[in-house]
Amino acid sequence: MRLLLQVVLVANSLPALNDVTAMELPEIVAEAAKHCDILRRAAEAGGLLVDAMVSTLDDSKGNSSSVPLMVVENGCGSPCIDLRQVSSELAAAAKEADLV
């Protein structure tokens, strides 16, 4: 993120065992962002922090290339990911990625 990279955090769509879900990730990122300014700025730009969501949510919709940190659901609700059945959003993000 310091190098102007885009980071996509991927998590389960539904709860499975002790795996984190995509709905839980913004809260986890917010806690971590309290200790890291780089993460905080990326989370604010990505609309992941509640205080920043009002101002950045409209700006980031439809233009994911400018969002340094975003959360994507994997479309799964089990501890194992079937790559044949991931969400279309995850497939699109992976297609554009340099590293998966």
PDB file of N, CA and C in Angstrom:
ATOM      1  N   MET A   1       0.826  -1.184   0.000  1.00  0.00           N
ATOM      2  CA  MET A   1       0.000   0.000   0.000  1.00  0.00           C
ATOM      3  C   MET A   1       0.871   1.248   0.000  1.00  0.00           C
ATOM      4  N   ARG A   2       2.036   1.113   0.564  1.00  0.00           N
ATOM      5  CA  ARG A   2       2.961   2.227   0.554  1.00  0.00           C
ATOM      6  C   ARG A   2       3.466   2.479  -0.861  1.00  0.00           C
ATOM      7  N   LEU A   3       3.440   1.437  -1.701  1.00  0.00           N
ATOM      8  CA  LEU A   3       3.917   1.534  -3.076  1.00  0.00           C
ATOM      9  C   LEU A   3       2.782   1.750  -4.063  1.00  0.00           C
ATOM     10  N   LEU A   4       1.652   2.244  -3.608  1.00  0.00           N
ATOM     11  CA  LEU A   4       0.474   2.490  -4.437  1.00  0.00           C
ATOM     12  C   LEU A   4      -0.080   1.206  -5.045  1.00  0.00           C
ATOM     13  N   LEU A   5      -0.014   0.133  -4.290  1.00  0.00           N
ATOM     14  CA  LEU A   5      -0.579  -1.137  -4.718  1.00  0.00           C
ATOM     15  C   LEU A   5      -2.037  -1.221  -4.306  1.00  0.00           C
ATOM     16  N   GLN A   6      -2.775  -2.066  -4.983  1.00  0.00           N
ATOM     17  CA  GLN A   6      -4.148  -2.351  -4.588  1.00  0.00           C
ATOM     18  C   GLN A   6      -4.141  -3.698  -3.881  1.00  0.00           C
ATOM     19  N   VAL A   7      -4.714  -3.749  -2.681  1.00  0.00           N
ATOM     20  CA  VAL A   7      -4.784  -4.975  -1.899  1.00  0.00           C
ATOM     21  C   VAL A   7      -6.243  -5.360  -1.751  1.00  0.00           C
ATOM     22  N   VAL A   8      -6.545  -6.612  -2.068  1.00  0.00           N
ATOM     23  CA  VAL A   8      -7.902  -7.128  -1.947  1.00  0.00           C
ATOM     24  C   VAL A   8      -7.900  -8.174  -0.840  1.00  0.00           C
ATOM     25  N   LEU A   9      -8.665  -7.911   0.216  1.00  0.00           N
ATOM     26  CA  LEU A   9      -8.821  -8.876   1.297  1.00  0.00           C
ATOM     27  C   LEU A   9     -10.025  -9.745   0.964  1.00  0.00           C
ATOM     28  N   VAL A  10      -9.832 -11.046   0.910  1.00  0.00           N
ATOM     29  CA  VAL A  10     -10.897 -11.973   0.535  1.00  0.00           C
ATOM     30  C   VAL A  10     -11.250 -12.838   1.736  1.00  0.00           C
ATOM     31  N   ALA A  11     -12.549 -12.989   1.976  1.00  0.00           N
ATOM     32  CA  ALA A  11     -13.017 -13.815   3.088  1.00  0.00           C
ATOM     33  C   ALA A  11     -14.311 -14.511   2.698  1.00  0.00           C
ATOM     34  N   ASN A  12     -14.672 -15.498   3.502  1.00  0.00           N
ATOM     35  CA  ASN A  12     -15.906 -16.240   3.264  1.00  0.00           C
ATOM     36  C   ASN A  12     -17.119 -15.324   3.242  1.00  0.00           C
ATOM     37  N   SER A  13     -18.087 -15.697   2.433  1.00  0.00           N
ATOM     38  CA  SER A  13     -19.363 -14.986   2.403  1.00  0.00           C
ATOM     39  C   SER A  13     -20.216 -15.380   3.605  1.00  0.00           C
ATOM     40  N   LEU A  14     -20.100 -16.635   4.027  1.00  0.00           N
ATOM     41  CA  LEU A  14     -20.882 -17.179   5.141  1.00  0.00           C
ATOM     42  C   LEU A  14     -19.938 -17.751   6.191  1.00  0.00           C
ATOM     43  N   PRO A  15     -20.386 -17.813   7.454  1.00  0.00           N
ATOM     44  CA  PRO A  15     -19.528 -18.360   8.512  1.00  0.00           C
ATOM     45  C   PRO A  15     -19.198 -19.836   8.273  1.00  0.00           C
ATOM     46  N   ALA A  16     -17.981 -20.214   8.592  1.00  0.00           N
ATOM     47  CA  ALA A  16     -17.538 -21.605   8.516  1.00  0.00           C
ATOM     48  C   ALA A  16     -16.466 -21.828   9.577  1.00  0.00           C
ATOM     49  N   LEU A  17     -16.760 -22.690  10.526  1.00  0.00           N
ATOM     50  CA  LEU A  17     -15.845 -22.980  11.625  1.00  0.00           C
ATOM     51  C   LEU A  17     -15.369 -21.680  12.263  1.00  0.00           C
ATOM     52  N   ASN A  18     -14.071 -21.447  12.294  1.00  0.00           N
ATOM     53  CA  ASN A  18     -13.546 -20.220  12.899  1.00  0.00           C
ATOM     54  C   ASN A  18     -13.023 -19.234  11.855  1.00  0.00           C
ATOM     55  N   ASP A  19     -13.406 -19.408  10.592  1.00  0.00           N
ATOM     56  CA  ASP A  19     -12.960 -18.507   9.527  1.00  0.00           C
ATOM     57  C   ASP A  19     -13.654 -17.150   9.635  1.00  0.00           C
ATOM     58  N   VAL A  20     -12.941 -16.111   9.304  1.00  0.00           N
ATOM     59  CA  VAL A  20     -13.513 -14.767   9.295  1.00  0.00           C
ATOM     60  C   VAL A  20     -14.409 -14.619   8.063  1.00  0.00           C
ATOM     61  N   THR A  21     -15.455 -13.814   8.200  1.00  0.00           N
ATOM     62  CA  THR A  21     -16.325 -13.537   7.056  1.00  0.00           C
ATOM     63  C   THR A  21     -16.021 -12.144   6.513  1.00  0.00           C
ATOM     64  N   ALA A  22     -16.463 -11.906   5.299  1.00  0.00           N
ATOM     65  CA  ALA A  22     -16.255 -10.596   4.681  1.00  0.00           C
ATOM     66  C   ALA A  22     -16.952  -9.496   5.475  1.00  0.00           C
ATOM     67  N   MET A  23     -18.068  -9.825   6.107  1.00  0.00           N
ATOM     68  CA  MET A  23     -18.785  -8.834   6.919  1.00  0.00           C
ATOM     69  C   MET A  23     -17.968  -8.436   8.148  1.00  0.00           C
ATOM     70  N   GLU A  24     -17.124  -9.330   8.647  1.00  0.00           N
ATOM     71  CA  GLU A  24     -16.322  -9.057   9.840  1.00  0.00           C
ATOM     72  C   GLU A  24     -15.021  -8.315   9.525  1.00  0.00           C
ATOM     73  N   LEU A  25     -14.560  -8.402   8.310  1.00  0.00           N
ATOM     74  CA  LEU A  25     -13.258  -7.818   7.956  1.00  0.00           C
ATOM     75  C   LEU A  25     -13.143  -6.313   8.193  1.00  0.00           C
ATOM     76  N   PRO A  26     -14.152  -5.495   7.841  1.00  0.00           N
ATOM     77  CA  PRO A  26     -13.991  -4.057   8.094  1.00  0.00           C
ATOM     78  C   PRO A  26     -13.727  -3.725   9.561  1.00  0.00           C
ATOM     79  N   GLU A  27     -14.363  -4.445  10.476  1.00  0.00           N
ATOM     80  CA  GLU A  27     -14.131  -4.205  11.903  1.00  0.00           C
ATOM     81  C   GLU A  27     -12.703  -4.599  12.290  1.00  0.00           C
ATOM     82  N   ILE A  28     -12.219  -5.690  11.751  1.00  0.00           N
ATOM     83  CA  ILE A  28     -10.851  -6.138  12.023  1.00  0.00           C
ATOM     84  C   ILE A  28      -9.845  -5.139  11.456  1.00  0.00           C
ATOM     85  N   VAL A  29     -10.093  -4.681  10.245  1.00  0.00           N
ATOM     86  CA  VAL A  29      -9.212  -3.686   9.618  1.00  0.00           C
ATOM     87  C   VAL A  29      -9.220  -2.391  10.428  1.00  0.00           C
ATOM     88  N   ALA A  30     -10.383  -1.987  10.910  1.00  0.00           N
ATOM     89  CA  ALA A  30     -10.486  -0.757  11.705  1.00  0.00           C
ATOM     90  C   ALA A  30      -9.646  -0.852  12.974  1.00  0.00           C
ATOM     91  N   GLU A  31      -9.672  -2.003  13.633  1.00  0.00           N
ATOM     92  CA  GLU A  31      -8.855  -2.187  14.839  1.00  0.00           C
ATOM     93  C   GLU A  31      -7.368  -2.133  14.498  1.00  0.00           C
ATOM     94  N   ALA A  32      -6.974  -2.800  13.429  1.00  0.00           N
ATOM     95  CA  ALA A  32      -5.566  -2.794  13.022  1.00  0.00           C
ATOM     96  C   ALA A  32      -5.127  -1.401  12.575  1.00  0.00           C
ATOM     97  N   ALA A  33      -6.035  -0.659  11.952  1.00  0.00           N
ATOM     98  CA  ALA A  33      -5.716   0.681  11.446  1.00  0.00           C
ATOM     99  C   ALA A  33      -5.416   1.667  12.570  1.00  0.00           C
ATOM    100  N   LYS A  34      -5.870   1.370  13.772  1.00  0.00           N
ATOM    101  CA  LYS A  34      -5.556   2.227  14.925  1.00  0.00           C
ATOM    102  C   LYS A  34      -4.060   2.215  15.229  1.00  0.00           C
ATOM    103  N   HIS A  35      -3.363   1.196  14.746  1.00  0.00           N
ATOM    104  CA  HIS A  35      -1.946   1.025  15.055  1.00  0.00           C
ATOM    105  C   HIS A  35      -1.031   1.244  13.858  1.00  0.00           C
ATOM    106  N   CYS A  36      -1.614   1.509  12.685  1.00  0.00           N
ATOM    107  CA  CYS A  36      -0.796   1.650  11.472  1.00  0.00           C
ATOM    108  C   CYS A  36      -1.397   2.723  10.565  1.00  0.00           C
ATOM    109  N   ASP A  37      -0.679   3.817  10.397  1.00  0.00           N
ATOM    110  CA  ASP A  37      -1.174   4.920   9.566  1.00  0.00           C
ATOM    111  C   ASP A  37      -1.327   4.532   8.100  1.00  0.00           C
ATOM    112  N   ILE A  38      -0.447   3.686   7.598  1.00  0.00           N
ATOM    113  CA  ILE A  38      -0.541   3.259   6.194  1.00  0.00           C
ATOM    114  C   ILE A  38      -1.834   2.492   5.974  1.00  0.00           C
ATOM    115  N   LEU A  39      -2.127   1.569   6.874  1.00  0.00           N
ATOM    116  CA  LEU A  39      -3.365   0.793   6.782  1.00  0.00           C
ATOM    117  C   LEU A  39      -4.580   1.692   6.971  1.00  0.00           C
ATOM    118  N   ARG A  40      -4.492   2.645   7.888  1.00  0.00           N
ATOM    119  CA  ARG A  40      -5.612   3.552   8.128  1.00  0.00           C
ATOM    120  C   ARG A  40      -5.947   4.363   6.881  1.00  0.00           C
ATOM    121  N   ARG A  41      -4.927   4.916   6.231  1.00  0.00           N
ATOM    122  CA  ARG A  41      -5.173   5.705   5.017  1.00  0.00           C
ATOM    123  C   ARG A  41      -5.768   4.847   3.900  1.00  0.00           C
ATOM    124  N   ALA A  42      -5.261   3.635   3.744  1.00  0.00           N
ATOM    125  CA  ALA A  42      -5.785   2.735   2.710  1.00  0.00           C
ATOM    126  C   ALA A  42      -7.222   2.336   3.021  1.00  0.00           C
ATOM    127  N   ALA A  43      -7.507   2.068   4.284  1.00  0.00           N
ATOM    128  CA  ALA A  43      -8.862   1.680   4.683  1.00  0.00           C
ATOM    129  C   ALA A  43      -9.834   2.842   4.516  1.00  0.00           C
ATOM    130  N   GLU A  44      -9.394   4.046   4.825  1.00  0.00           N
ATOM    131  CA  GLU A  44     -10.246   5.221   4.614  1.00  0.00           C
ATOM    132  C   GLU A  44     -10.554   5.398   3.135  1.00  0.00           C
ATOM    133  N   ALA A  45      -9.541   5.276   2.300  1.00  0.00           N
ATOM    134  CA  ALA A  45      -9.741   5.438   0.857  1.00  0.00           C
ATOM    135  C   ALA A  45     -10.648   4.354   0.297  1.00  0.00           C
ATOM    136  N   GLY A  46     -10.585   3.161   0.889  1.00  0.00           N
ATOM    137  CA  GLY A  46     -11.422   2.055   0.435  1.00  0.00           C
ATOM    138  C   GLY A  46     -12.799   2.035   1.064  1.00  0.00           C
ATOM    139  N   GLY A  47     -13.081   2.987   1.955  1.00  0.00           N
ATOM    140  CA  GLY A  47     -14.392   3.042   2.591  1.00  0.00           C
ATOM    141  C   GLY A  47     -14.599   1.979   3.648  1.00  0.00           C
ATOM    142  N   LEU A  48     -13.512   1.414   4.178  1.00  0.00           N
ATOM    143  CA  LEU A  48     -13.634   0.355   5.173  1.00  0.00           C
ATOM    144  C   LEU A  48     -13.790   0.874   6.590  1.00  0.00           C
ATOM    145  N   LEU A  49     -13.434   2.109   6.831  1.00  0.00           N
ATOM    146  CA  LEU A  49     -13.596   2.680   8.163  1.00  0.00           C
ATOM    147  C   LEU A  49     -14.913   3.421   8.213  1.00  0.00           C
ATOM    148  N   VAL A  50     -15.690   3.162   9.238  1.00  0.00           N
ATOM    149  CA  VAL A  50     -17.038   3.722   9.341  1.00  0.00           C
ATOM    150  C   VAL A  50     -17.025   5.236   9.226  1.00  0.00           C
ATOM    151  N   ASP A  51     -16.090   5.899   9.880  1.00  0.00           N
ATOM    152  CA  ASP A  51     -16.028   7.364   9.835  1.00  0.00           C
ATOM    153  C   ASP A  51     -15.740   7.875   8.429  1.00  0.00           C
ATOM    154  N   ALA A  52     -15.028   7.096   7.644  1.00  0.00           N
ATOM    155  CA  ALA A  52     -14.643   7.536   6.304  1.00  0.00           C
ATOM    156  C   ALA A  52     -15.626   7.093   5.231  1.00  0.00           C
ATOM    157  N   MET A  53     -16.529   6.173   5.566  1.00  0.00           N
ATOM    158  CA  MET A  53     -17.404   5.599   4.546  1.00  0.00           C
ATOM    159  C   MET A  53     -18.314   6.624   3.898  1.00  0.00           C
ATOM    160  N   VAL A  54     -18.814   7.562   4.652  1.00  0.00           N
ATOM    161  CA  VAL A  54     -19.742   8.543   4.098  1.00  0.00           C
ATOM    162  C   VAL A  54     -19.083   9.357   2.999  1.00  0.00           C
ATOM    163  N   SER A  55     -17.838   9.755   3.204  1.00  0.00           N
ATOM    164  CA  SER A  55     -17.179  10.611   2.220  1.00  0.00           C
ATOM    165  C   SER A  55     -16.555   9.846   1.062  1.00  0.00           C
ATOM    166  N   THR A  56     -16.182   8.578   1.269  1.00  0.00           N
ATOM    167  CA  THR A  56     -15.472   7.872   0.206  1.00  0.00           C
ATOM    168  C   THR A  56     -16.296   6.824  -0.505  1.00  0.00           C
ATOM    169  N   LEU A  57     -17.404   6.393   0.053  1.00  0.00           N
ATOM    170  CA  LEU A  57     -18.170   5.301  -0.539  1.00  0.00           C
ATOM    171  C   LEU A  57     -18.643   5.637  -1.932  1.00  0.00           C
ATOM    172  N   ASP A  58     -19.201   6.818  -2.132  1.00  0.00           N
ATOM    173  CA  ASP A  58     -19.684   7.207  -3.448  1.00  0.00           C
ATOM    174  C   ASP A  58     -18.541   7.374  -4.443  1.00  0.00           C
ATOM    175  N   ASP A  59     -17.402   7.867  -3.971  1.00  0.00           N
ATOM    176  CA  ASP A  59     -16.260   8.071  -4.856  1.00  0.00           C
ATOM    177  C   ASP A  59     -15.660   6.759  -5.336  1.00  0.00           C
ATOM    178  N   SER A  60     -15.703   5.714  -4.490  1.00  0.00           N
ATOM    179  CA  SER A  60     -15.027   4.467  -4.834  1.00  0.00           C
ATOM    180  C   SER A  60     -15.890   3.516  -5.635  1.00  0.00           C
ATOM    181  N   LYS A  61     -17.182   3.678  -5.667  1.00  0.00           N
ATOM    182  CA  LYS A  61     -18.054   2.766  -6.410  1.00  0.00           C
ATOM    183  C   LYS A  61     -17.757   2.864  -7.893  1.00  0.00           C
ATOM    184  N   GLY A  62     -17.588   1.688  -8.499  1.00  0.00           N
ATOM    185  CA  GLY A  62     -17.384   1.650  -9.936  1.00  0.00           C
ATOM    186  C   GLY A  62     -15.981   2.003 -10.380  1.00  0.00           C
ATOM    187  N   ASN A  63     -15.097   2.316  -9.437  1.00  0.00           N
ATOM    188  CA  ASN A  63     -13.733   2.671  -9.806  1.00  0.00           C
ATOM    189  C   ASN A  63     -12.767   1.971  -8.859  1.00  0.00           C
ATOM    190  N   SER A  64     -12.784   0.637  -8.872  1.00  0.00           N
ATOM    191  CA  SER A  64     -11.973  -0.116  -7.928  1.00  0.00           C
ATOM    192  C   SER A  64     -10.476   0.058  -8.165  1.00  0.00           C
ATOM    193  N   SER A  65     -10.069   0.528  -9.338  1.00  0.00           N
ATOM    194  CA  SER A  65      -8.645   0.681  -9.604  1.00  0.00           C
ATOM    195  C   SER A  65      -8.017   1.769  -8.745  1.00  0.00           C
ATOM    196  N   SER A  66      -8.802   2.682  -8.184  1.00  0.00           N
ATOM    197  CA  SER A  66      -8.256   3.739  -7.348  1.00  0.00           C
ATOM    198  C   SER A  66      -8.380   3.424  -5.863  1.00  0.00           C
ATOM    199  N   VAL A  67      -8.948   2.274  -5.517  1.00  0.00           N
ATOM    200  CA  VAL A  67      -9.136   1.896  -4.118  1.00  0.00           C
ATOM    201  C   VAL A  67      -7.966   1.020  -3.683  1.00  0.00           C
ATOM    202  N   PRO A  68      -7.136   1.500  -2.733  1.00  0.00           N
ATOM    203  CA  PRO A  68      -5.960   0.741  -2.347  1.00  0.00           C
ATOM    204  C   PRO A  68      -6.267  -0.493  -1.496  1.00  0.00           C
ATOM    205  N   LEU A  69      -7.397  -0.513  -0.795  1.00  0.00           N
ATOM    206  CA  LEU A  69      -7.734  -1.638   0.073  1.00  0.00           C
ATOM    207  C   LEU A  69      -9.224  -1.891  -0.012  1.00  0.00           C
ATOM    208  N   MET A  70      -9.591  -3.110  -0.373  1.00  0.00           N
ATOM    209  CA  MET A  70     -11.006  -3.439  -0.461  1.00  0.00           C
ATOM    210  C   MET A  70     -11.241  -4.867  -0.001  1.00  0.00           C
ATOM    211  N   VAL A  71     -12.488  -5.145   0.391  1.00  0.00           N
ATOM    212  CA  VAL A  71     -12.895  -6.472   0.839  1.00  0.00           C
ATOM    213  C   VAL A  71     -13.785  -7.088  -0.232  1.00  0.00           C
ATOM    214  N   VAL A  72     -13.536  -8.359  -0.528  1.00  0.00           N
ATOM    215  CA  VAL A  72     -14.336  -9.088  -1.506  1.00  0.00           C
ATOM    216  C   VAL A  72     -14.759 -10.416  -0.887  1.00  0.00           C
ATOM    217  N   GLU A  73     -16.033 -10.755  -1.037  1.00  0.00           N
ATOM    218  CA  GLU A  73     -16.527 -12.055  -0.587  1.00  0.00           C
ATOM    219  C   GLU A  73     -16.102 -13.117  -1.588  1.00  0.00           C
ATOM    220  N   ASN A  74     -15.786 -14.317  -1.074  1.00  0.00           N
ATOM    221  CA  ASN A  74     -15.364 -15.384  -1.985  1.00  0.00           C
ATOM    222  C   ASN A  74     -16.534 -16.200  -2.521  1.00  0.00           C
ATOM    223  N   GLY A  75     -17.731 -15.979  -1.998  1.00  0.00           N
ATOM    224  CA  GLY A  75     -18.896 -16.724  -2.464  1.00  0.00           C
ATOM    225  C   GLY A  75     -19.056 -18.066  -1.785  1.00  0.00           C
ATOM    226  N   CYS A  76     -18.212 -18.365  -0.809  1.00  0.00           N
ATOM    227  CA  CYS A  76     -18.232 -19.670  -0.142  1.00  0.00           C
ATOM    228  C   CYS A  76     -18.704 -19.556   1.305  1.00  0.00           C
ATOM    229  N   GLY A  77     -19.127 -20.683   1.830  1.00  0.00           N
ATOM    230  CA  GLY A  77     -19.509 -20.764   3.229  1.00  0.00           C
ATOM    231  C   GLY A  77     -18.934 -22.009   3.858  1.00  0.00           C
ATOM    232  N   SER A  78     -17.790 -22.443   3.362  1.00  0.00           N
ATOM    233  CA  SER A  78     -17.133 -23.624   3.912  1.00  0.00           C
ATOM    234  C   SER A  78     -15.655 -23.311   4.114  1.00  0.00           C
ATOM    235  N   PRO A  79     -14.959 -24.116   4.916  1.00  0.00           N
ATOM    236  CA  PRO A  79     -13.545 -23.835   5.160  1.00  0.00           C
ATOM    237  C   PRO A  79     -12.650 -24.054   3.938  1.00  0.00           C
ATOM    238  N   CYS A  80     -13.137 -24.749   2.951  1.00  0.00           N
ATOM    239  CA  CYS A  80     -12.366 -24.978   1.723  1.00  0.00           C
ATOM    240  C   CYS A  80     -12.965 -24.153   0.589  1.00  0.00           C
ATOM    241  N   ILE A  81     -12.121 -23.583  -0.237  1.00  0.00           N
ATOM    242  CA  ILE A  81     -12.603 -22.774  -1.357  1.00  0.00           C
ATOM    243  C   ILE A  81     -12.579 -23.612  -2.629  1.00  0.00           C
ATOM    244  N   ASP A  82     -13.729 -23.709  -3.263  1.00  0.00           N
ATOM    245  CA  ASP A  82     -13.825 -24.355  -4.569  1.00  0.00           C
ATOM    246  C   ASP A  82     -13.653 -23.246  -5.603  1.00  0.00           C
ATOM    247  N   LEU A  83     -12.493 -23.184  -6.218  1.00  0.00           N
ATOM    248  CA  LEU A  83     -12.184 -22.088  -7.136  1.00  0.00           C
ATOM    249  C   LEU A  83     -13.095 -22.062  -8.360  1.00  0.00           C
ATOM    250  N   ARG A  84     -13.812 -23.147  -8.600  1.00  0.00           N
ATOM    251  CA  ARG A  84     -14.767 -23.169  -9.716  1.00  0.00           C
ATOM    252  C   ARG A  84     -16.044 -22.411  -9.372  1.00  0.00           C
ATOM    253  N   GLN A  85     -16.246 -22.122  -8.077  1.00  0.00           N
ATOM    254  CA  GLN A  85     -17.506 -21.521  -7.658  1.00  0.00           C
ATOM    255  C   GLN A  85     -17.324 -20.220  -6.879  1.00  0.00           C
ATOM    256  N   VAL A  86     -16.243 -19.509  -7.102  1.00  0.00           N
ATOM    257  CA  VAL A  86     -16.047 -18.242  -6.397  1.00  0.00           C
ATOM    258  C   VAL A  86     -16.981 -17.179  -6.974  1.00  0.00           C
ATOM    259  N   SER A  87     -17.166 -16.110  -6.212  1.00  0.00           N
ATOM    260  CA  SER A  87     -18.035 -15.022  -6.664  1.00  0.00           C
ATOM    261  C   SER A  87     -17.457 -14.368  -7.917  1.00  0.00           C
ATOM    262  N   SER A  88     -18.331 -13.787  -8.712  1.00  0.00           N
ATOM    263  CA  SER A  88     -17.866 -13.110  -9.935  1.00  0.00           C
ATOM    264  C   SER A  88     -16.977 -11.920  -9.589  1.00  0.00           C
ATOM    265  N   GLU A  89     -17.252 -11.278  -8.457  1.00  0.00           N
ATOM    266  CA  GLU A  89     -16.424 -10.148  -8.013  1.00  0.00           C
ATOM    267  C   GLU A  89     -14.996 -10.615  -7.701  1.00  0.00           C
ATOM    268  N   LEU A  90     -14.872 -11.763  -7.042  1.00  0.00           N
ATOM    269  CA  LEU A  90     -13.548 -12.303  -6.736  1.00  0.00           C
ATOM    270  C   LEU A  90     -12.835 -12.745  -8.012  1.00  0.00           C
ATOM    271  N   ALA A  91     -13.558 -13.379  -8.914  1.00  0.00           N
ATOM    272  CA  ALA A  91     -12.955 -13.811 -10.181  1.00  0.00           C
ATOM    273  C   ALA A  91     -12.413 -12.614 -10.955  1.00  0.00           C
ATOM    274  N   ALA A  92     -13.163 -11.519 -10.977  1.00  0.00           N
ATOM    275  CA  ALA A  92     -12.716 -10.315 -11.677  1.00  0.00           C
ATOM    276  C   ALA A  92     -11.489  -9.713 -10.999  1.00  0.00           C
ATOM    277  N   ALA A  93     -11.490  -9.679  -9.659  1.00  0.00           N
ATOM    278  CA  ALA A  93     -10.342  -9.129  -8.929  1.00  0.00           C
ATOM    279  C   ALA A  93      -9.105  -9.991  -9.157  1.00  0.00           C
ATOM    280  N   ALA A  94      -9.270 -11.306  -9.163  1.00  0.00           N
ATOM    281  CA  ALA A  94      -8.136 -12.209  -9.372  1.00  0.00           C
ATOM    282  C   ALA A  94      -7.596 -12.101 -10.794  1.00  0.00           C
ATOM    283  N   LYS A  95      -8.484 -11.887 -11.741  1.00  0.00           N
ATOM    284  CA  LYS A  95      -8.066 -11.781 -13.142  1.00  0.00           C
ATOM    285  C   LYS A  95      -7.137 -10.587 -13.349  1.00  0.00           C
ATOM    286  N   GLU A  96      -7.371  -9.514 -12.609  1.00  0.00           N
ATOM    287  CA  GLU A  96      -6.574  -8.290 -12.732  1.00  0.00           C
ATOM    288  C   GLU A  96      -5.343  -8.292 -11.829  1.00  0.00           C
ATOM    289  N   ALA A  97      -5.197  -9.325 -10.979  1.00  0.00           N
ATOM    290  CA  ALA A  97      -4.134  -9.336  -9.976  1.00  0.00           C
ATOM    291  C   ALA A  97      -2.796  -9.772 -10.555  1.00  0.00           C
ATOM    292  N   ASP A  98      -1.732  -9.219  -9.995  1.00  0.00           N
ATOM    293  CA  ASP A  98      -0.384  -9.658 -10.333  1.00  0.00           C
ATOM    294  C   ASP A  98       0.042 -10.825  -9.446  1.00  0.00           C
ATOM    295  N   LEU A  99      -0.547 -10.923  -8.260  1.00  0.00           N
ATOM    296  CA  LEU A  99      -0.212 -11.971  -7.303  1.00  0.00           C
ATOM    297  C   LEU A  99      -1.480 -12.411  -6.595  1.00  0.00           C
ATOM    298  N   VAL A 100      -1.727 -13.713  -6.583  1.00  0.00           N
ATOM    299  CA  VAL A 100      -2.917 -14.255  -5.912  1.00  0.00           C
ATOM    300  C   VAL A 100      -2.460 -15.203  -4.832  1.00  0.00           C
TER     301      VAL A 100
END
